[in-house]
Amino acid sequence: MMLVSASAMAGEPAAAAPAEKSDPKTEDPTSGLKGFELLLRPSFGGAPSDSPVRFQPSGGAQVQGDPGALLQGASPWSPGFVGQAAVGYRFLPFLSAGLRAGIRTSSGTNLSDGSQNLSRTSWDAGFYVRAYPLAGVESISKYIDPWVGTGIEYMRDTQSFQRNLPTSTGGSVLGDVSLDHHAIAIPMAIGVDYRVTRFLSLGPSFEYTLANANAACAKTSAPGFSGSTYCSNEAPGSSFIKAQSYGVWTAGLDAKLTF
């Protein structure tokens, strides 16, 4: 065995320590599950086929003239296109809230009393909140993102048509009739978002909205004649014009961007 002097060993460079292996960069599991939320929801749906604005005299009210079939319960309306949009913020992976708005259209058939050119449109605006119950389960949330939602909003439902209206001279004239319904609406929804990318999701959803009646008005007009407007929340219309609550269903496809 050979001995090497300490001075000789000191002159040799020290061996470099092996470099530590760095861990690969891990991806944030909440990426795409927090931040601003933009939503578009084209869908199909509708309300009951009759009108939520009704002619229902109360307290012995006497009303001259024929109110027409639609005000007395006729059912001409069919489901149609519904478009909704929302913008909000996903504060936590399992909770988001924001603003929402929508528009709903219906097609109508002519009625037996001669009512024609029927048209119905409804729009709404308000607030929403969503819960994502499986957002904390990474093995699921990186592929699908189930959710439930609710909110509160103002809803206005307008119907219009033309029919022969009686005149003070004993004849009739083709006039315009519009029915206006106001409600405070509570939407209840459920859906499943499929995460196409970390930030883009697509998926089916179903929503049922309860429109709690607030007020309703019936308005008539014709060229050359004085028009009339009667509302359920003021006299004298309150004795025969009634606003009814009703439900709206929609089935659609959500496109959501979270960033």
C-alpha atoms as a PDB file:
ATOM      1  CA  MET A   1       0.000   0.000   0.000  1.00  0.00           C
ATOM      2  CA  MET A   2       1.337   3.418  -0.959  1.00  0.00           C
ATOM      3  CA  LEU A   3       1.173   6.446   1.294  1.00  0.00           C
ATOM      4  CA  VAL A   4       0.544   9.866  -0.192  1.00  0.00           C
ATOM      5  CA  SER A   5       1.561  12.946   1.687  1.00  0.00           C
ATOM      6  CA  ALA A   6      -1.158  15.284   2.914  1.00  0.00           C
ATOM      7  CA  SER A   7       0.397  18.174   1.017  1.00  0.00           C
ATOM      8  CA  ALA A   8       0.114  16.279  -2.264  1.00  0.00           C
ATOM      9  CA  MET A   9      -3.537  15.455  -1.666  1.00  0.00           C
ATOM     10  CA  ALA A  10      -4.302  19.079  -0.880  1.00  0.00           C
ATOM     11  CA  GLY A  11      -3.044  20.061  -4.286  1.00  0.00           C
ATOM     12  CA  GLU A  12      -5.523  17.911  -6.135  1.00  0.00           C
ATOM     13  CA  PRO A  13      -8.941  19.411  -6.993  1.00  0.00           C
ATOM     14  CA  ALA A  14     -11.866  18.089  -4.985  1.00  0.00           C
ATOM     15  CA  ALA A  15     -14.279  15.842  -6.833  1.00  0.00           C
ATOM     16  CA  ALA A  16     -17.503  17.648  -7.797  1.00  0.00           C
ATOM     17  CA  ALA A  17     -20.611  16.546  -5.947  1.00  0.00           C
ATOM     18  CA  PRO A  18     -23.207  14.879  -8.160  1.00  0.00           C
ATOM     19  CA  ALA A  19     -25.935  17.301  -9.271  1.00  0.00           C
ATOM     20  CA  GLU A  20     -29.295  16.795  -7.621  1.00  0.00           C
ATOM     21  CA  LYS A  21     -32.093  15.782  -9.951  1.00  0.00           C
ATOM     22  CA  SER A  22     -34.825  18.432 -10.183  1.00  0.00           C
ATOM     23  CA  ASP A  23     -38.442  17.369  -9.992  1.00  0.00           C
ATOM     24  CA  PRO A  24     -40.458  17.971 -13.150  1.00  0.00           C
ATOM     25  CA  LYS A  25     -42.755  20.978 -12.951  1.00  0.00           C
ATOM     26  CA  THR A  26     -46.172  19.902 -11.652  1.00  0.00           C
ATOM     27  CA  GLU A  27     -49.355  21.261 -13.224  1.00  0.00           C
ATOM     28  CA  ASP A  28     -51.805  23.221 -11.070  1.00  0.00           C
ATOM     29  CA  PRO A  29     -54.819  20.880 -10.569  1.00  0.00           C
ATOM     30  CA  THR A  30     -57.162  23.919 -10.280  1.00  0.00           C
ATOM     31  CA  SER A  31     -56.099  25.328 -13.664  1.00  0.00           C
ATOM     32  CA  GLY A  32     -59.288  26.065 -15.604  1.00  0.00           C
ATOM     33  CA  LEU A  33     -61.406  25.596 -12.473  1.00  0.00           C
ATOM     34  CA  LYS A  34     -60.964  29.132 -11.123  1.00  0.00           C
ATOM     35  CA  GLY A  35     -61.234  32.599 -12.662  1.00  0.00           C
ATOM     36  CA  PHE A  36     -63.631  34.479 -14.931  1.00  0.00           C
ATOM     37  CA  GLU A  37     -66.495  32.462 -16.412  1.00  0.00           C
ATOM     38  CA  LEU A  38     -68.122  33.186 -19.795  1.00  0.00           C
ATOM     39  CA  LEU A  39     -71.104  31.066 -20.839  1.00  0.00           C
ATOM     40  CA  LEU A  40     -73.252  30.734 -23.962  1.00  0.00           C
ATOM     41  CA  ARG A  41     -76.254  28.400 -23.919  1.00  0.00           C
ATOM     42  CA  PRO A  42     -78.346  27.868 -27.078  1.00  0.00           C
ATOM     43  CA  SER A  43     -81.313  25.675 -26.191  1.00  0.00           C
ATOM     44  CA  PHE A  44     -84.863  24.597 -26.938  1.00  0.00           C
ATOM     45  CA  GLY A  45     -87.771  25.006 -24.547  1.00  0.00           C
ATOM     46  CA  GLY A  46     -91.006  26.682 -23.656  1.00  0.00           C
ATOM     47  CA  ALA A  47     -93.694  27.623 -21.184  1.00  0.00           C
ATOM     48  CA  PRO A  48     -97.252  26.237 -20.946  1.00  0.00           C
ATOM     49  CA  SER A  49     -99.169  26.625 -24.209  1.00  0.00           C
ATOM     50  CA  ASP A  50    -101.790  28.964 -22.707  1.00  0.00           C
ATOM     51  CA  SER A  51    -101.360  32.589 -21.635  1.00  0.00           C
ATOM     52  CA  PRO A  52    -100.274  33.598 -18.105  1.00  0.00           C
ATOM     53  CA  VAL A  53    -102.404  36.745 -18.539  1.00  0.00           C
ATOM     54  CA  ARG A  54    -106.070  35.879 -17.963  1.00  0.00           C
ATOM     55  CA  PHE A  55    -109.510  37.440 -17.963  1.00  0.00           C
ATOM     56  CA  GLN A  56    -110.999  36.396 -14.614  1.00  0.00           C
ATOM     57  CA  PRO A  57    -113.627  38.825 -13.268  1.00  0.00           C
ATOM     58  CA  SER A  58    -113.854  38.985  -9.483  1.00  0.00           C
ATOM     59  CA  GLY A  59    -116.006  40.809  -6.975  1.00  0.00           C
ATOM     60  CA  GLY A  60    -118.998  40.958  -9.328  1.00  0.00           C
ATOM     61  CA  ALA A  61    -117.136  43.003 -11.962  1.00  0.00           C
ATOM     62  CA  GLN A  62    -119.107  43.605 -15.166  1.00  0.00           C
ATOM     63  CA  VAL A  63    -117.043  43.942 -18.362  1.00  0.00           C
ATOM     64  CA  GLN A  64    -118.494  44.798 -21.768  1.00  0.00           C
ATOM     65  CA  GLY A  65    -117.276  43.127 -24.929  1.00  0.00           C
ATOM     66  CA  ASP A  66    -115.602  39.796 -25.699  1.00  0.00           C
ATOM     67  CA  PRO A  67    -112.105  39.498 -24.164  1.00  0.00           C
ATOM     68  CA  GLY A  68    -111.100  36.907 -26.768  1.00  0.00           C
ATOM     69  CA  ALA A  69    -110.040  33.269 -26.677  1.00  0.00           C
ATOM     70  CA  LEU A  70    -106.429  33.766 -25.568  1.00  0.00           C
ATOM     71  CA  LEU A  71    -107.390  35.683 -22.426  1.00  0.00           C
ATOM     72  CA  GLN A  72    -109.939  32.969 -21.616  1.00  0.00           C
ATOM     73  CA  GLY A  73    -107.538  30.017 -21.704  1.00  0.00           C
ATOM     74  CA  ALA A  74    -106.869  29.105 -25.356  1.00  0.00           C
ATOM     75  CA  SER A  75    -103.569  27.261 -25.944  1.00  0.00           C
ATOM     76  CA  PRO A  76    -101.883  28.319 -29.193  1.00  0.00           C
ATOM     77  CA  TRP A  77     -98.223  28.440 -28.089  1.00  0.00           C
ATOM     78  CA  SER A  78     -95.493  25.920 -28.941  1.00  0.00           C
ATOM     79  CA  PRO A  79     -91.889  25.590 -27.673  1.00  0.00           C
ATOM     80  CA  GLY A  80     -89.167  27.496 -29.486  1.00  0.00           C
ATOM     81  CA  PHE A  81     -85.595  28.759 -29.419  1.00  0.00           C
ATOM     82  CA  VAL A  82     -84.053  29.912 -26.133  1.00  0.00           C
ATOM     83  CA  GLY A  83     -80.736  31.762 -25.964  1.00  0.00           C
ATOM     84  CA  GLN A  84     -78.870  32.476 -22.736  1.00  0.00           C
ATOM     85  CA  ALA A  85     -75.561  34.096 -21.795  1.00  0.00           C
ATOM     86  CA  ALA A  86     -73.749  34.617 -18.492  1.00  0.00           C
ATOM     87  CA  VAL A  87     -70.613  36.252 -17.162  1.00  0.00           C
ATOM     88  CA  GLY A  88     -69.279  35.582 -13.683  1.00  0.00           C
ATOM     89  CA  TYR A  89     -66.352  34.516 -11.545  1.00  0.00           C
ATOM     90  CA  ARG A  90     -65.418  31.098 -10.220  1.00  0.00           C
ATOM     91  CA  PHE A  91     -64.116  32.056  -6.788  1.00  0.00           C
ATOM     92  CA  LEU A  92     -63.323  28.480  -5.799  1.00  0.00           C
ATOM     93  CA  PRO A  93     -63.170  25.260  -7.837  1.00  0.00           C
ATOM     94  CA  PHE A  94     -66.564  24.293  -6.384  1.00  0.00           C
ATOM     95  CA  LEU A  95     -68.368  27.694  -6.476  1.00  0.00           C
ATOM     96  CA  SER A  96     -69.089  30.457  -9.027  1.00  0.00           C
ATOM     97  CA  ALA A  97     -71.543  33.362  -9.309  1.00  0.00           C
ATOM     98  CA  GLY A  98     -72.373  36.182 -11.710  1.00  0.00           C
ATOM     99  CA  LEU A  99     -74.879  37.825 -14.058  1.00  0.00           C
ATOM    100  CA  ARG A 100     -77.117  36.067 -16.567  1.00  0.00           C
ATOM    101  CA  ALA A 101     -79.636  37.029 -19.270  1.00  0.00           C
ATOM    102  CA  GLY A 102     -81.765  35.254 -21.845  1.00  0.00           C
ATOM    103  CA  ILE A 103     -84.432  35.446 -24.518  1.00  0.00           C
ATOM    104  CA  ARG A 104     -87.177  32.949 -25.372  1.00  0.00           C
ATOM    105  CA  THR A 105     -89.424  32.782 -28.442  1.00  0.00           C
ATOM    106  CA  SER A 106     -92.600  30.803 -29.151  1.00  0.00           C
ATOM    107  CA  SER A 107     -94.601  30.065 -32.269  1.00  0.00           C
ATOM    108  CA  GLY A 108     -98.391  30.364 -32.199  1.00  0.00           C
ATOM    109  CA  THR A 109    -101.335  29.145 -34.266  1.00  0.00           C
ATOM    110  CA  ASN A 110    -104.395  31.205 -35.212  1.00  0.00           C
ATOM    111  CA  LEU A 111    -107.369  30.901 -32.862  1.00  0.00           C
ATOM    112  CA  SER A 112    -111.010  30.104 -33.469  1.00  0.00           C
ATOM    113  CA  ASP A 113    -112.106  33.648 -32.554  1.00  0.00           C
ATOM    114  CA  GLY A 114    -110.196  35.071 -35.530  1.00  0.00           C
ATOM    115  CA  SER A 115    -107.016  36.014 -33.650  1.00  0.00           C
ATOM    116  CA  GLN A 116    -104.104  36.013 -36.082  1.00  0.00           C
ATOM    117  CA  ASN A 117    -100.430  36.971 -36.460  1.00  0.00           C
ATOM    118  CA  LEU A 118     -99.632  35.641 -32.990  1.00  0.00           C
ATOM    119  CA  SER A 119     -96.185  36.358 -31.586  1.00  0.00           C
ATOM    120  CA  ARG A 120     -94.619  35.709 -28.174  1.00  0.00           C
ATOM    121  CA  THR A 121     -91.228  36.728 -26.787  1.00  0.00           C
ATOM    122  CA  SER A 122     -89.809  36.625 -23.277  1.00  0.00           C
ATOM    123  CA  TRP A 123     -86.570  38.026 -21.899  1.00  0.00           C
ATOM    124  CA  ASP A 124     -84.977  37.783 -18.476  1.00  0.00           C
ATOM    125  CA  ALA A 125     -81.992  39.152 -16.564  1.00  0.00           C
ATOM    126  CA  GLY A 126     -80.597  38.516 -13.096  1.00  0.00           C
ATOM    127  CA  PHE A 127     -78.027  36.680 -10.992  1.00  0.00           C
ATOM    128  CA  TYR A 128     -76.833  33.075 -10.892  1.00  0.00           C
ATOM    129  CA  VAL A 129     -74.810  30.843  -8.590  1.00  0.00           C
ATOM    130  CA  ARG A 130     -73.332  27.434  -9.459  1.00  0.00           C
ATOM    131  CA  ALA A 131     -71.911  24.626  -7.350  1.00  0.00           C
ATOM    132  CA  TYR A 132     -69.441  22.046  -8.723  1.00  0.00           C
ATOM    133  CA  PRO A 133     -69.618  19.173  -6.205  1.00  0.00           C
ATOM    134  CA  LEU A 134     -66.868  17.016  -7.766  1.00  0.00           C
ATOM    135  CA  ALA A 135     -64.345  19.780  -8.461  1.00  0.00           C
ATOM    136  CA  GLY A 136     -62.129  18.523  -5.622  1.00  0.00           C
ATOM    137  CA  VAL A 137     -61.795  15.036  -7.114  1.00  0.00           C
ATOM    138  CA  GLU A 138     -58.939  15.556  -9.575  1.00  0.00           C
ATOM    139  CA  SER A 139     -59.337  12.191 -11.295  1.00  0.00           C
ATOM    140  CA  ILE A 140     -62.870  13.247 -12.313  1.00  0.00           C
ATOM    141  CA  SER A 141     -62.684  17.047 -12.644  1.00  0.00           C
ATOM    142  CA  LYS A 142     -59.863  16.931 -15.201  1.00  0.00           C
ATOM    143  CA  TYR A 143     -62.289  15.230 -17.592  1.00  0.00           C
ATOM    144  CA  ILE A 144     -65.849  16.210 -16.573  1.00  0.00           C
ATOM    145  CA  ASP A 145     -67.225  18.942 -14.327  1.00  0.00           C
ATOM    146  CA  PRO A 146     -70.821  18.258 -13.115  1.00  0.00           C
ATOM    147  CA  TRP A 147     -72.721  21.217 -11.639  1.00  0.00           C
ATOM    148  CA  VAL A 148     -76.022  22.420 -10.188  1.00  0.00           C
ATOM    149  CA  GLY A 149     -77.243  26.002 -10.293  1.00  0.00           C
ATOM    150  CA  THR A 150     -79.917  28.457  -9.213  1.00  0.00           C
ATOM    151  CA  GLY A 151     -80.449  32.219  -9.092  1.00  0.00           C
ATOM    152  CA  ILE A 152     -83.001  35.002  -9.198  1.00  0.00           C
ATOM    153  CA  GLU A 153     -84.066  37.208 -12.103  1.00  0.00           C
ATOM    154  CA  TYR A 154     -86.694  39.495 -13.569  1.00  0.00           C
ATOM    155  CA  MET A 155     -88.717  38.009 -16.442  1.00  0.00           C
ATOM    156  CA  ARG A 156     -90.977  39.828 -18.894  1.00  0.00           C
ATOM    157  CA  ASP A 157     -93.245  37.826 -21.205  1.00  0.00           C
ATOM    158  CA  THR A 158     -95.022  39.658 -24.065  1.00  0.00           C
ATOM    159  CA  GLN A 159     -97.693  38.292 -26.405  1.00  0.00           C
ATOM    160  CA  SER A 160     -99.197  40.120 -29.363  1.00  0.00           C
ATOM    161  CA  PHE A 161    -101.824  39.363 -31.992  1.00  0.00           C
ATOM    162  CA  GLN A 162    -104.603  40.914 -34.081  1.00  0.00           C
ATOM    163  CA  ARG A 163    -108.348  40.329 -33.812  1.00  0.00           C
ATOM    164  CA  ASN A 164    -111.645  42.074 -34.493  1.00  0.00           C
ATOM    165  CA  LEU A 165    -112.446  44.402 -31.607  1.00  0.00           C
ATOM    166  CA  PRO A 166    -115.921  45.775 -30.858  1.00  0.00           C
ATOM    167  CA  THR A 167    -116.390  49.549 -31.222  1.00  0.00           C
ATOM    168  CA  SER A 168    -118.681  51.995 -29.426  1.00  0.00           C
ATOM    169  CA  THR A 169    -120.762  52.327 -32.616  1.00  0.00           C
ATOM    170  CA  GLY A 170    -121.756  48.673 -32.539  1.00  0.00           C
ATOM    171  CA  GLY A 171    -119.393  47.453 -35.269  1.00  0.00           C
ATOM    172  CA  SER A 172    -115.910  46.005 -35.118  1.00  0.00           C
ATOM    173  CA  VAL A 173    -112.450  46.852 -36.374  1.00  0.00           C
ATOM    174  CA  LEU A 174    -109.249  44.816 -36.779  1.00  0.00           C
ATOM    175  CA  GLY A 175    -107.120  45.898 -33.858  1.00  0.00           C
ATOM    176  CA  ASP A 176    -103.854  45.080 -32.137  1.00  0.00           C
ATOM    177  CA  VAL A 177    -103.803  43.320 -28.766  1.00  0.00           C
ATOM    178  CA  SER A 178    -100.768  42.926 -26.516  1.00  0.00           C
ATOM    179  CA  LEU A 179    -100.503  41.001 -23.246  1.00  0.00           C
ATOM    180  CA  ASP A 180     -97.634  41.848 -20.918  1.00  0.00           C
ATOM    181  CA  HIS A 181     -96.614  39.614 -17.982  1.00  0.00           C
ATOM    182  CA  HIS A 182     -94.028  40.498 -15.314  1.00  0.00           C
ATOM    183  CA  ALA A 183     -92.499  37.964 -12.921  1.00  0.00           C
ATOM    184  CA  ILE A 184     -89.717  37.270 -10.453  1.00  0.00           C
ATOM    185  CA  ALA A 185     -88.158  34.041 -11.708  1.00  0.00           C
ATOM    186  CA  ILE A 186     -86.170  31.326  -9.908  1.00  0.00           C
ATOM    187  CA  PRO A 187     -84.139  29.087 -12.259  1.00  0.00           C
ATOM    188  CA  MET A 188     -83.016  25.616 -11.163  1.00  0.00           C
ATOM    189  CA  ALA A 189     -80.508  23.872 -13.413  1.00  0.00           C
ATOM    190  CA  ILE A 190     -78.256  20.826 -13.687  1.00  0.00           C
ATOM    191  CA  GLY A 191     -75.581  19.928 -16.202  1.00  0.00           C
ATOM    192  CA  VAL A 192     -72.319  18.151 -17.006  1.00  0.00           C
ATOM    193  CA  ASP A 193     -69.408  20.026 -18.591  1.00  0.00           C
ATOM    194  CA  TYR A 194     -66.932  17.988 -20.645  1.00  0.00           C
ATOM    195  CA  ARG A 195     -63.531  19.677 -20.506  1.00  0.00           C
ATOM    196  CA  VAL A 196     -62.350  19.884 -24.118  1.00  0.00           C
ATOM    197  CA  THR A 197     -59.305  21.822 -22.918  1.00  0.00           C
ATOM    198  CA  ARG A 198     -58.289  23.111 -19.488  1.00  0.00           C
ATOM    199  CA  PHE A 199     -60.218  26.323 -20.149  1.00  0.00           C
ATOM    200  CA  LEU A 200     -63.006  25.307 -22.578  1.00  0.00           C
ATOM    201  CA  SER A 201     -65.931  23.063 -21.626  1.00  0.00           C
ATOM    202  CA  LEU A 202     -68.962  21.808 -23.546  1.00  0.00           C
ATOM    203  CA  GLY A 203     -71.889  19.856 -22.181  1.00  0.00           C
ATOM    204  CA  PRO A 204     -75.649  19.272 -21.943  1.00  0.00           C
ATOM    205  CA  SER A 205     -77.862  20.929 -19.349  1.00  0.00           C
ATOM    206  CA  PHE A 206     -81.495  21.116 -18.273  1.00  0.00           C
ATOM    207  CA  GLU A 207     -83.189  24.039 -16.549  1.00  0.00           C
ATOM    208  CA  TYR A 208     -86.620  24.588 -15.018  1.00  0.00           C
ATOM    209  CA  THR A 209     -87.604  28.140 -14.081  1.00  0.00           C
ATOM    210  CA  LEU A 210     -90.533  29.101 -11.864  1.00  0.00           C
ATOM    211  CA  ALA A 211     -91.924  32.488 -12.954  1.00  0.00           C
ATOM    212  CA  ASN A 212     -93.700  33.950  -9.902  1.00  0.00           C
ATOM    213  CA  ALA A 213     -96.290  36.411 -11.201  1.00  0.00           C
ATOM    214  CA  ASN A 214     -95.935  40.046 -10.216  1.00  0.00           C
ATOM    215  CA  ALA A 215     -98.273  41.931 -12.585  1.00  0.00           C
ATOM    216  CA  ALA A 216     -99.936  41.710 -15.993  1.00  0.00           C
ATOM    217  CA  CYS A 217    -101.498  44.127 -18.477  1.00  0.00           C
ATOM    218  CA  ALA A 218    -103.783  43.812 -21.507  1.00  0.00           C
ATOM    219  CA  LYS A 219    -103.623  46.581 -24.106  1.00  0.00           C
ATOM    220  CA  THR A 220    -105.782  47.145 -27.213  1.00  0.00           C
ATOM    221  CA  SER A 221    -105.404  49.689 -30.012  1.00  0.00           C
ATOM    222  CA  ALA A 222    -106.732  50.339 -33.526  1.00  0.00           C
ATOM    223  CA  PRO A 223    -106.146  53.121 -36.077  1.00  0.00           C
ATOM    224  CA  GLY A 224    -108.639  55.949 -35.555  1.00  0.00           C
ATOM    225  CA  PHE A 225    -109.868  54.690 -32.178  1.00  0.00           C
ATOM    226  CA  SER A 226    -108.844  55.314 -28.589  1.00  0.00           C
ATOM    227  CA  GLY A 227    -106.895  52.435 -27.125  1.00  0.00           C
ATOM    228  CA  SER A 228    -107.231  50.891 -23.671  1.00  0.00           C
ATOM    229  CA  THR A 229    -104.854  49.417 -21.095  1.00  0.00           C
ATOM    230  CA  TYR A 230    -105.915  47.368 -18.071  1.00  0.00           C
ATOM    231  CA  CYS A 231    -103.458  46.011 -15.498  1.00  0.00           C
ATOM    232  CA  SER A 232    -103.804  43.461 -12.722  1.00  0.00           C
ATOM    233  CA  ASN A 233    -102.186  45.714 -10.125  1.00  0.00           C
ATOM    234  CA  GLU A 234    -104.346  48.812 -10.539  1.00  0.00           C
ATOM    235  CA  ALA A 235    -108.050  49.630 -10.828  1.00  0.00           C
ATOM    236  CA  PRO A 236    -110.205  48.988 -12.755  1.00  0.00           C
ATOM    237  CA  GLY A 237    -108.149  46.217 -14.397  1.00  0.00           C
ATOM    238  CA  SER A 238    -107.409  44.543 -11.070  1.00  0.00           C
ATOM    239  CA  SER A 239    -111.012  43.317 -10.931  1.00  0.00           C
ATOM    240  CA  PHE A 240    -110.754  41.241 -14.130  1.00  0.00           C
ATOM    241  CA  ILE A 241    -107.114  40.971 -15.374  1.00  0.00           C
ATOM    242  CA  LYS A 242    -105.068  38.350 -13.488  1.00  0.00           C
ATOM    243  CA  ALA A 243    -101.383  37.357 -13.657  1.00  0.00           C
ATOM    244  CA  GLN A 244    -100.638  33.662 -13.235  1.00  0.00           C
ATOM    245  CA  SER A 245     -97.385  32.005 -12.194  1.00  0.00           C
ATOM    246  CA  TYR A 246     -95.990  29.366 -14.548  1.00  0.00           C
ATOM    247  CA  GLY A 247     -92.934  27.226 -15.293  1.00  0.00           C
ATOM    248  CA  VAL A 248     -90.442  27.290 -18.162  1.00  0.00           C
ATOM    249  CA  TRP A 249     -88.294  24.312 -19.203  1.00  0.00           C
ATOM    250  CA  THR A 250     -85.229  24.376 -21.425  1.00  0.00           C
ATOM    251  CA  ALA A 251     -82.757  21.748 -22.666  1.00  0.00           C
ATOM    252  CA  GLY A 252     -79.532  23.033 -24.137  1.00  0.00           C
ATOM    253  CA  LEU A 253     -75.815  22.798 -24.810  1.00  0.00           C
ATOM    254  CA  ASP A 254     -73.462  24.889 -22.648  1.00  0.00           C
ATOM    255  CA  ALA A 255     -70.228  26.346 -24.026  1.00  0.00           C
ATOM    256  CA  LYS A 256     -68.135  27.716 -21.154  1.00  0.00           C
ATOM    257  CA  LEU A 257     -64.777  29.458 -21.037  1.00  0.00           C
ATOM    258  CA  THR A 258     -62.961  29.761 -17.677  1.00  0.00           C
ATOM    259  CA  PHE A 259     -59.747  31.762 -17.522  1.00  0.00           C
END
